Protein backbone atom coordinates (compact mmCIF):
# COMPACT_ATOMS: atom_id res chain seq x y z
CA PHE A 1 34.50 39.63 -46.77
CA ILE A 2 32.71 42.09 -44.49
CA ILE A 3 29.81 42.34 -46.93
CA VAL A 4 29.39 38.71 -47.99
CA GLY A 5 30.81 36.92 -44.94
CA THR A 6 28.49 35.50 -42.25
CA TYR A 7 28.83 34.74 -38.57
CA SER A 8 26.61 32.78 -36.18
CA ARG A 9 26.08 34.15 -32.70
CA ARG A 10 27.21 31.69 -30.09
CA VAL A 11 26.55 31.17 -26.45
CA ASN A 12 28.24 28.90 -23.96
CA VAL A 13 25.97 27.10 -21.50
CA SER A 14 26.62 24.64 -18.69
CA GLY A 15 25.17 21.18 -18.27
CA GLU A 16 25.86 17.63 -17.20
CA VAL A 17 25.68 14.04 -18.39
CA THR A 18 22.69 11.95 -17.33
CA THR A 19 20.72 8.85 -18.29
CA TRP A 20 17.05 8.02 -18.69
CA PRO A 21 15.90 6.95 -16.22
CA ARG A 22 18.19 9.04 -14.07
CA ALA A 23 20.28 7.83 -11.18
CA VAL A 24 18.19 7.73 -8.01
CA ASN A 25 19.29 9.26 -4.72
CA ILE A 26 17.69 7.71 -1.64
CA TYR A 27 17.53 9.95 1.42
CA SER A 28 16.72 9.25 5.05
CA GLY A 29 13.28 10.32 6.18
CA VAL A 30 14.06 9.81 9.88
CA GLN A 31 16.76 10.41 12.46
CA GLY A 32 18.43 7.39 13.99
CA PHE A 33 21.26 4.88 13.83
CA VAL A 34 21.98 2.42 11.04
CA VAL A 35 21.85 -1.05 12.61
CA ARG A 36 21.85 -3.22 9.51
CA GLN A 37 22.88 -3.01 5.86
CA PHE A 38 21.19 -5.36 3.39
CA VAL A 39 23.06 -4.51 0.15
CA HIS A 40 26.55 -3.79 -1.07
CA GLU A 41 27.95 -1.62 -3.83
CA GLY A 42 27.50 -3.06 -7.29
CA GLN A 43 24.58 -5.28 -6.23
CA LEU A 44 21.50 -5.48 -8.46
CA ILE A 45 18.31 -4.65 -6.57
CA LYS A 46 14.60 -4.59 -7.32
CA LYS A 47 12.01 -2.04 -6.35
CA GLY A 48 10.97 -2.64 -2.74
CA ASP A 49 14.13 -4.51 -1.70
CA PRO A 50 15.37 -3.55 1.81
CA VAL A 51 18.53 -1.45 1.87
CA TYR A 52 19.07 -0.23 5.44
CA LEU A 53 17.53 -0.86 8.85
CA ILE A 54 17.51 2.31 10.97
CA ASP A 55 16.88 2.25 14.73
CA ILE A 56 14.84 5.28 15.83
CA SER A 57 13.92 4.03 19.32
CA LYS A 58 14.36 6.02 22.54
CA SER A 59 15.82 4.75 25.82
CA THR A 60 15.10 5.56 29.47
CA ARG A 61 16.35 4.21 32.79
CA ASN A 62 13.74 1.46 32.49
CA GLY A 63 15.04 0.34 29.12
CA ILE A 64 14.12 0.96 25.52
CA VAL A 65 10.69 2.57 25.38
CA THR A 66 9.52 0.77 22.26
CA ASP A 67 10.69 -2.64 23.54
CA ASN A 68 8.81 -2.19 26.83
CA HIS A 69 5.72 -0.98 25.00
CA ARG A 70 5.97 -3.90 22.60
CA ARG A 71 6.19 -6.42 25.45
CA ASP A 72 3.12 -4.91 27.12
CA ILE A 73 1.13 -5.12 23.89
CA GLU A 74 2.26 -8.70 23.24
CA ASN A 75 1.19 -9.71 26.77
CA GLN A 76 -2.21 -8.10 26.19
CA LEU A 77 -2.50 -9.96 22.88
CA VAL A 78 -1.77 -13.26 24.63
CA ARG A 79 -4.49 -12.55 27.21
CA VAL A 80 -6.97 -11.56 24.51
CA ASP A 81 -6.18 -14.74 22.54
CA ASN A 82 -6.76 -16.82 25.70
CA ILE A 83 -10.10 -15.10 26.32
CA ILE A 84 -11.16 -15.73 22.72
CA SER A 85 -10.15 -19.40 23.02
CA ARG A 86 -12.13 -19.81 26.26
CA LEU A 87 -15.15 -18.08 24.74
CA GLU A 88 -15.04 -20.37 21.71
CA GLU A 89 -14.72 -23.40 23.99
CA SER A 90 -17.62 -22.22 26.19
CA LYS A 91 -19.69 -21.57 23.09
CA LYS A 92 -19.07 -25.10 21.86
CA ILE A 93 -19.91 -26.69 25.24
CA THR A 94 -23.05 -24.59 25.72
CA LEU A 95 -24.37 -25.19 22.21
CA ASP A 96 -23.57 -28.90 22.40
CA THR A 97 -25.46 -29.18 25.71
CA LEU A 98 -28.48 -27.33 24.35
CA GLU A 99 -28.41 -29.45 21.19
CA LYS A 100 -28.36 -32.65 23.27
CA GLN A 101 -31.36 -31.42 25.25
CA ARG A 102 -33.15 -30.53 22.03
CA LEU A 103 -32.50 -33.99 20.63
CA GLN A 104 -33.77 -35.59 23.85
CA TYR A 105 -36.97 -33.57 23.82
CA THR A 106 -37.36 -34.22 20.10
CA ASP A 107 -37.10 -37.95 20.73
CA ALA A 108 -39.55 -37.71 23.66
CA PHE A 109 -41.93 -35.69 21.49
CA ARG A 110 -41.79 -38.34 18.78
CA ARG A 111 -42.45 -41.18 21.27
CA SER A 112 -45.28 -39.31 22.97
CA SER A 113 -46.83 -38.52 19.59
CA ASP A 114 -46.76 -42.23 18.71
CA ILE A 115 -48.30 -43.14 22.07
CA ILE A 116 -51.05 -40.56 21.64
CA GLN A 117 -51.79 -41.87 18.17
CA ARG A 118 -52.15 -45.43 19.50
CA ALA A 119 -54.13 -44.18 22.51
CA GLU A 120 -56.57 -42.36 20.23
CA GLU A 121 -57.09 -45.56 18.29
CA GLY A 122 -57.71 -47.41 21.59
CA ILE A 123 -60.17 -44.73 22.71
CA LYS A 124 -62.13 -45.18 19.52
CA ILE A 125 -62.31 -48.93 20.16
CA MET A 126 -63.36 -48.39 23.78
CA LYS A 127 -66.03 -45.91 22.68
CA ASN A 128 -67.43 -48.49 20.27
CA ASN A 129 -67.39 -51.05 23.08
CA MET A 130 -69.17 -48.61 25.38
CA GLU A 131 -71.86 -48.04 22.77
CA ASN A 132 -72.19 -51.80 22.33
CA TYR A 133 -72.54 -52.23 26.10
CA ARG A 134 -75.35 -49.70 26.15
CA TYR A 135 -77.08 -51.62 23.40
CA TYR A 136 -76.54 -54.89 25.25
CA GLN A 137 -77.89 -53.38 28.48
CA SER A 138 -80.95 -52.09 26.66
CA LYS A 139 -81.57 -55.63 25.44
CA GLY A 140 -81.05 -57.03 28.91
CA LEU A 141 -77.96 -58.96 27.96
CA ILE A 142 -75.81 -57.28 30.65
CA ASN A 143 -76.61 -55.55 33.87
CA LYS A 144 -76.18 -51.87 34.66
CA ASP A 145 -73.01 -52.37 36.72
CA GLN A 146 -71.23 -53.86 33.75
CA LEU A 147 -72.20 -50.84 31.64
CA THR A 148 -71.11 -48.47 34.38
CA ASN A 149 -67.68 -50.13 34.58
CA GLN A 150 -67.25 -49.87 30.84
CA VAL A 151 -68.23 -46.16 30.82
CA ALA A 152 -65.84 -45.43 33.72
CA LEU A 153 -63.04 -47.27 31.94
CA TYR A 154 -63.65 -45.21 28.78
CA TYR A 155 -63.49 -41.86 30.57
CA GLN A 156 -60.44 -42.96 32.52
CA GLN A 157 -58.64 -43.66 29.25
CA GLN A 158 -59.91 -40.31 27.96
CA ASN A 159 -58.28 -38.55 30.94
CA ASN A 160 -55.05 -40.48 30.36
CA LEU A 161 -55.09 -39.31 26.74
CA LEU A 162 -55.51 -35.69 27.84
CA SER A 163 -52.53 -36.07 30.18
CA LEU A 164 -50.42 -37.54 27.38
CA SER A 165 -51.46 -34.70 25.06
CA GLY A 166 -50.42 -32.11 27.66
CA GLN A 167 -47.03 -33.77 28.06
CA ASN A 168 -46.63 -33.88 24.28
CA GLU A 169 -47.37 -30.16 24.02
CA GLN A 170 -44.80 -29.47 26.75
CA ASN A 171 -42.22 -31.42 24.75
CA ALA A 172 -43.02 -29.40 21.62
CA LEU A 173 -42.81 -26.13 23.57
CA GLN A 174 -39.50 -27.15 25.12
CA ILE A 175 -38.09 -27.96 21.68
CA THR A 176 -39.05 -24.47 20.45
CA THR A 177 -37.52 -22.89 23.56
CA LEU A 178 -34.26 -24.81 23.13
CA GLU A 179 -33.99 -23.88 19.45
CA SER A 180 -34.44 -20.23 20.42
CA GLN A 181 -31.81 -20.57 23.18
CA ILE A 182 -29.36 -22.14 20.73
CA GLN A 183 -29.67 -19.18 18.37
CA THR A 184 -29.57 -16.62 21.19
CA GLN A 185 -26.57 -18.19 22.90
CA ALA A 186 -24.71 -18.53 19.59
CA ALA A 187 -25.35 -14.86 18.76
CA ASP A 188 -24.30 -13.79 22.27
CA PHE A 189 -21.04 -15.75 22.12
CA ASP A 190 -20.34 -14.52 18.57
CA ASN A 191 -20.84 -10.92 19.70
CA ARG A 192 -18.48 -11.34 22.66
CA ILE A 193 -15.88 -13.04 20.46
CA TYR A 194 -16.25 -10.28 17.86
CA GLN A 195 -15.66 -7.62 20.52
CA MET A 196 -12.50 -9.38 21.65
CA GLU A 197 -11.32 -9.74 18.04
CA LEU A 198 -11.82 -5.99 17.57
CA GLN A 199 -9.72 -5.41 20.67
CA ARG A 200 -7.07 -7.76 19.29
CA LEU A 201 -7.08 -5.89 15.98
CA GLU A 202 -6.56 -2.57 17.76
CA LEU A 203 -3.67 -4.06 19.72
CA GLN A 204 -2.13 -5.39 16.51
CA LYS A 205 -2.39 -1.92 14.95
CA GLU A 206 -0.75 -0.47 18.03
CA LEU A 207 1.97 -3.10 17.74
CA VAL A 208 2.62 -2.05 14.13
CA ASN A 209 2.85 1.58 15.23
CA THR A 210 5.29 0.50 17.92
CA ASP A 211 7.44 -1.20 15.28
CA VAL A 212 7.37 2.02 13.26
CA GLU A 213 8.54 3.91 16.33
CA GLY A 214 11.35 1.43 16.90
CA GLU A 215 12.91 0.53 13.54
CA ILE A 216 12.50 1.73 9.98
CA ILE A 217 13.43 -0.24 6.86
CA ILE A 218 14.66 1.88 3.96
CA ARG A 219 13.68 0.24 0.66
CA ALA A 220 14.74 0.73 -2.94
CA LEU A 221 12.39 2.91 -4.96
CA SER A 222 13.32 1.49 -8.37
CA ASP A 223 15.18 -1.34 -10.09
CA GLY A 224 18.87 -0.82 -10.71
CA LYS A 225 22.37 -1.29 -9.39
CA VAL A 226 23.74 0.11 -6.15
CA ASP A 227 26.33 2.67 -7.21
CA SER A 228 27.47 4.08 -3.87
CA LEU A 229 26.58 3.71 -0.19
CA SER A 230 26.87 6.87 1.88
CA VAL A 231 26.55 5.41 5.40
CA THR A 232 27.68 2.30 7.26
CA VAL A 233 26.36 0.26 10.18
CA GLY A 234 26.54 2.18 13.46
CA GLN A 235 26.50 5.59 11.83
CA MET A 236 23.94 8.19 12.86
CA VAL A 237 21.78 9.71 10.14
CA ASN A 238 19.56 12.77 10.18
CA THR A 239 16.44 13.54 8.20
CA GLY A 240 17.41 14.35 4.62
CA ASP A 241 20.84 12.66 4.71
CA SER A 242 21.80 10.82 1.54
CA LEU A 243 21.95 7.05 2.04
CA LEU A 244 22.79 5.60 -1.37
CA GLN A 245 22.59 6.07 -5.12
CA VAL A 246 21.01 3.62 -7.53
CA ILE A 247 21.81 3.73 -11.24
CA PRO A 248 19.88 1.98 -14.04
CA GLU A 249 20.95 -1.61 -14.61
CA ASN A 250 21.26 -1.30 -18.37
CA ILE A 251 22.25 2.12 -19.70
CA GLU A 252 21.58 2.34 -23.42
CA ASN A 253 22.26 6.02 -23.98
CA TYR A 254 23.70 8.99 -22.18
CA TYR A 255 22.19 12.43 -22.58
CA LEU A 256 23.28 15.97 -21.93
CA ILE A 257 21.11 18.26 -19.85
CA LEU A 258 21.88 21.85 -20.90
CA TRP A 259 20.54 24.99 -19.25
CA VAL A 260 19.87 27.68 -21.82
CA PRO A 261 18.94 31.31 -20.99
CA ASN A 262 15.76 32.79 -22.41
CA ASP A 263 17.61 35.02 -24.91
CA ALA A 264 19.00 31.94 -26.68
CA VAL A 265 16.07 29.49 -26.64
CA PRO A 266 14.16 30.96 -29.64
CA TYR A 267 17.11 30.30 -31.93
CA ILE A 268 17.53 26.60 -31.08
CA SER A 269 15.69 23.80 -32.85
CA ALA A 270 15.62 20.04 -32.48
CA GLY A 271 18.30 18.50 -34.67
CA ASP A 272 20.77 21.40 -34.28
CA LYS A 273 24.41 20.49 -33.76
CA VAL A 274 26.22 21.73 -30.66
CA ASN A 275 29.83 21.52 -29.48
CA ILE A 276 30.53 19.82 -26.18
CA ARG A 277 33.50 20.11 -23.83
CA TYR A 278 33.60 17.73 -20.88
CA GLU A 279 35.29 18.77 -17.68
CA ALA A 280 36.52 15.18 -17.25
CA PHE A 281 38.01 15.23 -20.77
CA PRO A 282 39.74 18.63 -21.16
CA SER A 283 39.41 20.12 -24.63
CA GLU A 284 43.15 20.84 -24.70
CA LYS A 285 43.76 17.09 -24.77
CA PHE A 286 40.57 15.57 -26.16
CA GLY A 287 39.18 18.42 -28.22
CA GLN A 288 35.49 19.15 -28.58
CA PHE A 289 32.72 16.65 -29.16
CA SER A 290 29.55 16.88 -31.19
CA ALA A 291 25.99 16.45 -29.95
CA THR A 292 22.51 16.85 -31.42
CA VAL A 293 19.66 18.73 -29.78
CA LYS A 294 16.87 16.25 -29.02
CA THR A 295 14.21 18.16 -27.08
CA ILE A 296 13.70 21.74 -25.92
CA SER A 297 11.43 22.69 -23.06
CA ARG A 298 9.08 25.58 -23.77
CA THR A 299 8.57 26.59 -20.15
CA PRO A 300 11.27 27.71 -17.72
CA ALA A 301 12.57 25.03 -15.39
CA SER A 302 11.43 25.29 -11.79
CA THR A 303 13.88 25.91 -8.98
CA GLN A 304 13.02 22.51 -7.48
CA GLU A 305 13.87 20.73 -10.73
CA MET A 306 17.16 22.57 -11.15
CA LEU A 307 18.19 21.69 -7.60
CA THR A 308 18.15 18.00 -8.58
CA TYR A 309 20.97 18.64 -11.06
CA LYS A 310 24.46 19.37 -9.74
CA GLY A 311 25.51 21.25 -12.88
CA ALA A 312 22.48 23.56 -13.02
CA PRO A 313 23.23 27.32 -12.73
CA GLN A 314 22.22 28.99 -9.51
CA ASN A 315 20.19 32.19 -9.60
CA THR A 316 21.51 34.93 -7.35
CA PRO A 317 19.15 37.11 -5.29
CA GLY A 318 17.89 40.01 -7.36
CA ALA A 319 19.06 38.51 -10.66
CA SER A 320 16.66 35.70 -11.46
CA VAL A 321 17.10 34.41 -15.02
CA PRO A 322 14.65 32.03 -16.70
CA TRP A 323 16.48 28.85 -17.66
CA TYR A 324 15.16 26.33 -20.17
CA LYS A 325 16.14 22.67 -20.15
CA VAL A 326 17.55 21.35 -23.42
CA ILE A 327 18.36 17.66 -23.90
CA ALA A 328 21.08 16.74 -26.38
CA THR A 329 22.40 13.37 -27.48
CA PRO A 330 26.21 13.01 -27.70
CA GLU A 331 27.39 11.36 -30.90
CA LYS A 332 30.11 9.53 -28.98
CA GLN A 333 28.87 7.57 -25.99
CA ILE A 334 32.36 6.18 -25.36
CA ILE A 335 35.60 8.14 -25.81
CA ARG A 336 38.69 6.35 -27.02
CA TYR A 337 42.03 7.50 -25.63
CA ASP A 338 45.41 5.80 -25.55
CA GLU A 339 43.97 2.41 -26.56
CA LYS A 340 41.39 2.69 -23.80
CA TYR A 341 37.66 3.22 -23.92
CA LEU A 342 36.44 5.83 -21.48
CA PRO A 343 32.65 5.85 -20.98
CA LEU A 344 30.56 8.82 -20.03
CA GLU A 345 29.23 8.76 -16.49
CA ASN A 346 26.24 10.19 -14.68
CA GLY A 347 26.80 13.70 -13.37
CA MET A 348 29.84 14.61 -15.48
CA LYS A 349 29.94 18.37 -15.93
CA ALA A 350 29.99 19.71 -19.46
CA GLU A 351 30.02 23.01 -21.29
CA SER A 352 28.30 23.44 -24.61
CA THR A 353 28.54 25.99 -27.40
CA LEU A 354 25.19 26.70 -29.05
CA PHE A 355 25.02 28.25 -32.50
CA LEU A 356 22.23 30.80 -32.70
CA GLU A 357 21.08 33.19 -35.43
CA LYS A 358 23.33 33.75 -38.47
CA ARG A 359 23.94 37.26 -39.90
CA ARG A 360 26.33 38.92 -42.27
CA ILE A 361 29.39 40.39 -40.66
CA TYR A 362 28.49 43.98 -41.49
CA GLN A 363 25.14 43.52 -39.74
CA TRP A 364 26.92 42.45 -36.59
CA MET A 365 29.21 45.49 -36.95
CA LEU A 366 26.19 47.78 -37.22
CA SER A 367 24.30 46.22 -34.31
CA PRO A 368 25.48 48.93 -31.83
CA PHE A 369 23.88 51.55 -34.07
CA TYR A 370 20.61 49.59 -33.96
CA ASP A 371 20.81 49.76 -30.18
CA MET A 372 21.31 53.54 -30.38
CA LYS A 373 18.37 53.83 -32.77
CA HIS A 374 16.11 51.84 -30.46
CA SER A 375 17.12 53.89 -27.43
CA ALA A 376 16.42 57.14 -29.31
CA THR A 377 13.08 56.03 -30.78
CA GLY A 378 9.97 57.60 -29.26
CA PRO A 379 6.65 55.91 -28.53
CA ILE A 380 5.55 53.46 -31.23
CA ASN A 381 2.08 54.01 -32.64
CA ASP A 382 0.57 50.91 -34.23
């Protein structure tokens, strides 16, 4: 038996039951008082749903600081809105007035242009008449006074035409000036309104910051079901306090998270069978359960990762041991006992027996001599 018999080295490791995705713990990021609770235990929630409302405001003899600050900002916002409304109204009135003046001058320019056109036609006729009168006077048909009157009348109409042309040019110039004023006034009002809108935006940002300084809404970080609520309305919470736990809505499989020391990891492979003993189901009554190794990490778990698991081993100062995370799948997801079905739950502690390398019994018996040989061996020369 000693020569032909074999024995597998075994190691017991600790672990716990979990799901994928894992249960989510939501912690408080602020210090304050819970003033409102939006959910209850067992309720299904979605990512982003509000869970708690926490009051973080400060009070003085003059009242709540954030409320007073908020009222001041809201009053400033009302005044800014009134200024913007008056500016927009003034802009409309000013531009409408300038537009009316432009239309009036445009109409006057059109009428004066028509009059000038007709006057130019009349001047041409009078010039022809004047030339005819000169011809008639040269023939002795009319006297010189009649010619003089006709010439004077022609130049008088010529002067009237020049006056009309000057007025027409003034109308055209006024139209150009009004169009420029319309654009300038519109740009000036737009700039003033824009400045006030910027001021309103800054006040709105300040109002948001005031809300942040007054109340904080804690929201769900993932979909799931509320498993437990740690605080109630009126209770004070500090930074880092646990508020609630959220578990996945539909749990298809439970897994075992095992923490294996570095001297055992090389001998474990995916698909290996391991024995499981649950703390909630004592082996004296329920016996051991079987599980299959699913994945094995090839780098040691970080301290931060291990702190997120309640059943993870704790390294003591001066004795730091590399631990590797091994995930195993229990063959029985539900345990039957006394006509009842007992499911596994998140966080249940478990102990697992891992089967490592297999040797003949005599080799295990001689292993102390190998240790003596190694301790007595001198330097190794390759």
